[in-house]
C-alpha atoms as a PDB file:
ATOM      1  CA  MET A   1     -10.761  -7.892 -11.480  1.00  0.00           C
ATOM      2  CA  THR A   2      -6.889  -8.194 -11.865  1.00  0.00           C
ATOM      3  CA  LEU A   3      -4.237  -6.703  -9.522  1.00  0.00           C
ATOM      4  CA  SER A   4      -3.530  -4.071 -12.173  1.00  0.00           C
ATOM      5  CA  GLN A   5      -7.107  -3.041 -11.996  1.00  0.00           C
ATOM      6  CA  TRP A   6      -7.048  -2.553  -8.133  1.00  0.00           C
ATOM      7  CA  LEU A   7      -3.605  -0.992  -8.424  1.00  0.00           C
ATOM      8  CA  PRO A   8      -3.767   1.564 -11.359  1.00  0.00           C
ATOM      9  CA  ILE A   9      -0.769   3.613 -12.293  1.00  0.00           C
ATOM     10  CA  GLU A  10      -2.181   6.652 -10.544  1.00  0.00           C
ATOM     11  CA  ALA A  11      -1.980   4.779  -7.168  1.00  0.00           C
ATOM     12  CA  ILE A  12       1.795   3.946  -7.653  1.00  0.00           C
ATOM     13  CA  ARG A  13       4.523   6.250  -6.297  1.00  0.00           C
ATOM     14  CA  THR A  14       8.391   5.429  -6.138  1.00  0.00           C
ATOM     15  CA  SER A  15      11.149   7.036  -4.203  1.00  0.00           C
ATOM     16  CA  VAL A  16       8.893   9.117  -1.919  1.00  0.00           C
ATOM     17  CA  ALA A  17      10.387  11.212   0.663  1.00  0.00           C
ATOM     18  CA  ALA A  18       8.763  10.705   4.084  1.00  0.00           C
ATOM     19  CA  SER A  19       9.967  12.032   7.414  1.00  0.00           C
ATOM     20  CA  ASP A  20       7.980   9.584   9.461  1.00  0.00           C
ATOM     21  CA  TRP A  21       5.291   6.903   9.583  1.00  0.00           C
ATOM     22  CA  ARG A  22       2.498   9.454   9.261  1.00  0.00           C
ATOM     23  CA  ALA A  23       3.912  10.977   6.138  1.00  0.00           C
ATOM     24  CA  ALA A  24       4.460   7.470   4.624  1.00  0.00           C
ATOM     25  CA  ILE A  25       0.882   6.631   5.279  1.00  0.00           C
ATOM     26  CA  THR A  26      -0.305  10.193   3.915  1.00  0.00           C
ATOM     27  CA  ALA A  27       1.658   9.295   0.761  1.00  0.00           C
ATOM     28  CA  SER A  28      -0.194   5.911   0.441  1.00  0.00           C
ATOM     29  CA  GLY A  29      -3.560   7.654   1.098  1.00  0.00           C
ATOM     30  CA  GLU A  30      -2.935  10.327  -1.425  1.00  0.00           C
ATOM     31  CA  ALA A  31      -2.210   7.665  -4.141  1.00  0.00           C
ATOM     32  CA  LEU A  32      -5.413   5.842  -3.167  1.00  0.00           C
ATOM     33  CA  ALA A  33      -7.314   9.074  -3.648  1.00  0.00           C
ATOM     34  CA  ALA A  34      -5.556   9.954  -6.858  1.00  0.00           C
ATOM     35  CA  SER A  35      -6.926   6.664  -8.384  1.00  0.00           C
ATOM     36  CA  GLY A  36     -10.449   7.395  -7.225  1.00  0.00           C
ATOM     37  CA  ALA A  37     -10.623   4.677  -4.825  1.00  0.00           C
ATOM     38  CA  THR A  38     -11.014   6.982  -1.730  1.00  0.00           C
ATOM     39  CA  THR A  39     -11.423  10.459  -0.506  1.00  0.00           C
ATOM     40  CA  ASP A  40      -8.859  12.133   1.340  1.00  0.00           C
ATOM     41  CA  ASP A  41     -10.568  11.522   4.585  1.00  0.00           C
ATOM     42  CA  TYR A  42      -9.471   7.865   4.340  1.00  0.00           C
ATOM     43  CA  THR A  43      -5.952   8.969   4.677  1.00  0.00           C
ATOM     44  CA  GLN A  44      -6.723  10.311   8.267  1.00  0.00           C
ATOM     45  CA  GLU A  45      -8.617   7.160   8.988  1.00  0.00           C
ATOM     46  CA  MET A  46      -5.575   5.081   8.148  1.00  0.00           C
ATOM     47  CA  ILE A  47      -3.375   7.249  10.417  1.00  0.00           C
ATOM     48  CA  GLU A  48      -5.902   7.087  13.353  1.00  0.00           C
ATOM     49  CA  THR A  49      -6.100   3.379  12.997  1.00  0.00           C
ATOM     50  CA  VAL A  50      -2.240   3.023  13.702  1.00  0.00           C
ATOM     51  CA  GLU A  51      -2.580   5.664  16.457  1.00  0.00           C
ATOM     52  CA  LYS A  52      -5.263   3.670  18.136  1.00  0.00           C
ATOM     53  CA  LEU A  53      -4.050   0.029  17.473  1.00  0.00           C
ATOM     54  CA  GLY A  54      -0.382   0.365  17.076  1.00  0.00           C
ATOM     55  CA  PRO A  55       1.854  -0.538  14.126  1.00  0.00           C
ATOM     56  CA  TYR A  56       0.399  -3.982  13.503  1.00  0.00           C
ATOM     57  CA  ILE A  57       0.208  -2.889   9.810  1.00  0.00           C
ATOM     58  CA  VAL A  58       3.781  -3.615   9.531  1.00  0.00           C
ATOM     59  CA  ILE A  59       3.313  -7.226   8.460  1.00  0.00           C
ATOM     60  CA  ALA A  60       6.611  -8.130   7.262  1.00  0.00           C
ATOM     61  CA  PRO A  61      10.277  -6.723   7.312  1.00  0.00           C
ATOM     62  CA  GLY A  62      10.189  -3.443   5.626  1.00  0.00           C
ATOM     63  CA  LEU A  63       6.367  -3.736   4.692  1.00  0.00           C
ATOM     64  CA  ALA A  64       3.408  -1.902   5.909  1.00  0.00           C
ATOM     65  CA  LEU A  65      -0.223  -2.568   4.741  1.00  0.00           C
ATOM     66  CA  ALA A  66      -1.911   0.772   5.551  1.00  0.00           C
ATOM     67  CA  HIS A  67      -5.832   0.504   5.750  1.00  0.00           C
ATOM     68  CA  SER A  68      -8.717   1.342   7.874  1.00  0.00           C
ATOM     69  CA  ARG A  69     -12.212  -0.084   8.327  1.00  0.00           C
ATOM     70  CA  PRO A  70     -14.708   0.222   5.430  1.00  0.00           C
ATOM     71  CA  SER A  71     -16.168   3.803   5.415  1.00  0.00           C
ATOM     72  CA  PRO A  72     -18.088   6.260   3.425  1.00  0.00           C
ATOM     73  CA  ALA A  73     -14.604   7.579   2.404  1.00  0.00           C
ATOM     74  CA  VAL A  74     -14.078   4.463   0.228  1.00  0.00           C
ATOM     75  CA  HIS A  75     -15.492   4.774  -3.294  1.00  0.00           C
ATOM     76  CA  ARG A  76     -14.298   1.279  -4.568  1.00  0.00           C
ATOM     77  CA  ALA A  77     -11.898  -1.376  -3.532  1.00  0.00           C
ATOM     78  CA  GLY A  78      -8.296  -0.297  -4.351  1.00  0.00           C
ATOM     79  CA  LEU A  79      -4.603  -0.495  -3.672  1.00  0.00           C
ATOM     80  CA  SER A  80      -1.717   2.013  -3.588  1.00  0.00           C
ATOM     81  CA  TRP A  81       1.961   1.256  -3.737  1.00  0.00           C
ATOM     82  CA  VAL A  82       4.433   3.722  -2.389  1.00  0.00           C
ATOM     83  CA  THR A  83       8.251   2.871  -2.052  1.00  0.00           C
ATOM     84  CA  LEU A  84      10.163   5.192   0.226  1.00  0.00           C
ATOM     85  CA  ALA A  85      13.350   6.999  -0.668  1.00  0.00           C
ATOM     86  CA  THR A  86      14.562   6.238   2.899  1.00  0.00           C
ATOM     87  CA  PRO A  87      13.041   3.763   5.304  1.00  0.00           C
ATOM     88  CA  VAL A  88      10.947   5.071   8.375  1.00  0.00           C
ATOM     89  CA  ALA A  89      10.202   3.500  11.622  1.00  0.00           C
ATOM     90  CA  PHE A  90       6.537   2.572  12.395  1.00  0.00           C
ATOM     91  CA  GLY A  91       7.307   1.195  15.869  1.00  0.00           C
ATOM     92  CA  ASN A  92       7.318  -2.351  15.166  1.00  0.00           C
ATOM     93  CA  ALA A  93      10.570  -3.796  16.666  1.00  0.00           C
ATOM     94  CA  ALA A  94      10.296  -6.877  14.562  1.00  0.00           C
ATOM     95  CA  ASN A  95       9.817  -5.475  11.143  1.00  0.00           C
ATOM     96  CA  ASP A  96      11.109  -1.847  11.096  1.00  0.00           C
ATOM     97  CA  PRO A  97      12.268   0.186   9.157  1.00  0.00           C
ATOM     98  CA  VAL A  98       9.577   0.327   6.492  1.00  0.00           C
ATOM     99  CA  ASP A  99      10.498   1.055   2.737  1.00  0.00           C
ATOM    100  CA  LEU A 100       7.065  -0.097   1.234  1.00  0.00           C
ATOM    101  CA  VAL A 101       3.678   0.939   2.186  1.00  0.00           C
ATOM    102  CA  ILE A 102       0.827  -0.752   0.351  1.00  0.00           C
ATOM    103  CA  GLY A 103      -2.442   1.101   0.757  1.00  0.00           C
ATOM    104  CA  LEU A 104      -5.601  -0.979   0.942  1.00  0.00           C
ATOM    105  CA  ALA A 105      -9.287   0.300   0.617  1.00  0.00           C
ATOM    106  CA  ALA A 106     -12.151  -1.979   0.869  1.00  0.00           C
ATOM    107  CA  LEU A 107     -15.989  -1.508   0.634  1.00  0.00           C
ATOM    108  CA  ASP A 108     -16.655  -4.209   3.163  1.00  0.00           C
ATOM    109  CA  HIS A 109     -15.030  -6.737   5.406  1.00  0.00           C
ATOM    110  CA  ASP A 110     -15.028  -9.422   2.690  1.00  0.00           C
ATOM    111  CA  GLY A 111     -14.779  -7.656  -0.521  1.00  0.00           C
ATOM    112  CA  HIS A 112     -11.034  -7.293  -0.352  1.00  0.00           C
ATOM    113  CA  LEU A 113     -10.194 -11.009   0.068  1.00  0.00           C
ATOM    114  CA  GLU A 114      -9.649 -11.677  -3.528  1.00  0.00           C
ATOM    115  CA  MET A 115      -7.553  -8.536  -3.879  1.00  0.00           C
ATOM    116  CA  MET A 116      -5.446  -9.619  -0.885  1.00  0.00           C
ATOM    117  CA  SER A 117      -4.915 -13.112  -2.232  1.00  0.00           C
ATOM    118  CA  GLU A 118      -3.575 -11.751  -5.600  1.00  0.00           C
ATOM    119  CA  LEU A 119      -1.305  -9.281  -3.736  1.00  0.00           C
ATOM    120  CA  ALA A 120      -0.013 -11.933  -1.455  1.00  0.00           C
ATOM    121  CA  ALA A 121       0.767 -14.142  -4.538  1.00  0.00           C
ATOM    122  CA  VAL A 122       2.977 -11.420  -5.921  1.00  0.00           C
ATOM    123  CA  ILE A 123       4.716  -9.996  -2.907  1.00  0.00           C
ATOM    124  CA  SER A 124       5.481 -13.511  -1.346  1.00  0.00           C
ATOM    125  CA  GLU A 125       7.936 -14.266  -4.237  1.00  0.00           C
ATOM    126  CA  GLU A 126      11.168 -12.894  -3.028  1.00  0.00           C
ATOM    127  CA  GLU A 127      12.591 -12.023  -6.617  1.00  0.00           C
ATOM    128  CA  THR A 128       9.402 -10.421  -7.618  1.00  0.00           C
ATOM    129  CA  LEU A 129       9.219  -8.225  -4.321  1.00  0.00           C
ATOM    130  CA  ALA A 130      12.841  -7.308  -4.816  1.00  0.00           C
ATOM    131  CA  ALA A 131      12.171  -6.245  -8.360  1.00  0.00           C
ATOM    132  CA  LEU A 132       9.042  -4.181  -7.305  1.00  0.00           C
ATOM    133  CA  ARG A 133      11.169  -2.488  -4.517  1.00  0.00           C
ATOM    134  CA  ALA A 134      13.982  -1.604  -7.108  1.00  0.00           C
ATOM    135  CA  ALA A 135      11.374  -0.172  -9.653  1.00  0.00           C
ATOM    136  CA  LYS A 136      12.196   3.502 -10.256  1.00  0.00           C
ATOM    137  CA  SER A 137       8.761   4.440 -11.888  1.00  0.00           C
ATOM    138  CA  ALA A 138       5.201   3.592 -11.611  1.00  0.00           C
ATOM    139  CA  GLU A 139       5.362   2.087 -15.031  1.00  0.00           C
ATOM    140  CA  GLU A 140       8.075  -0.090 -14.046  1.00  0.00           C
ATOM    141  CA  VAL A 141       6.098  -1.303 -10.947  1.00  0.00           C
ATOM    142  CA  GLN A 142       3.040  -2.057 -13.204  1.00  0.00           C
ATOM    143  CA  SER A 143       5.389  -3.787 -15.720  1.00  0.00           C
ATOM    144  CA  VAL A 144       6.599  -6.282 -13.045  1.00  0.00           C
ATOM    145  CA  ILE A 145       3.188  -6.896 -11.728  1.00  0.00           C
ATOM    146  CA  ASP A 146       1.853  -7.586 -15.130  1.00  0.00           C
ATOM    147  CA  SER A 147       4.693  -9.822 -15.912  1.00  0.00           C
ATOM    148  CA  VAL A 148       3.738 -12.187 -13.035  1.00  0.00           C
ATOM    149  CA  THR A 149      -0.024 -11.946 -13.096  1.00  0.00           C
ATOM    150  CA  GLN A 150      -0.788 -12.672 -16.625  1.00  0.00           C
END
C-alpha cells in the first residue's frame, strides 16, 4: 500500500480548533473513524494511553503520533492527519506545543512498520513537513504527499 492509501482524504483535517491535548487526540480519532480504519472506541483508547503513559507520543517539536495498542476497535491499518489552528500543550517539555497530530491505527504490532517507514520518509524532509503544516485543505495535504511519494 501507499501512504495515500493509509491516509485517505477522509482522514485529513486542517485548521482544527482544539482546547487541549484530549481534544486534539479526539480530532485525530474522529478522522481515523471517518476513514473506516477504526471505531470511535479507538479514540478513547488513544486518550487513555496518554493518561497512563504520559506524553511520550510527542515525538518531535510540535508533532504528536497518537496511537494505542492494537484492539478490536481497529478495522484496518490507517493514519489520520490533523493540523491544529492553535498549538496545544501535551505536557512534553522538550516538544510542546503541538500543532500536528498524526493518528496511527494498527492491526498488530508489526503490521504498521511499512506505514511508519513511509510516513517517516515524508515528515523527515523539512521542506515537505513545512508544506504539509501550511496546507489549508485535505486536498492540499494529499497533493503534497502524492508529490513526494510517487
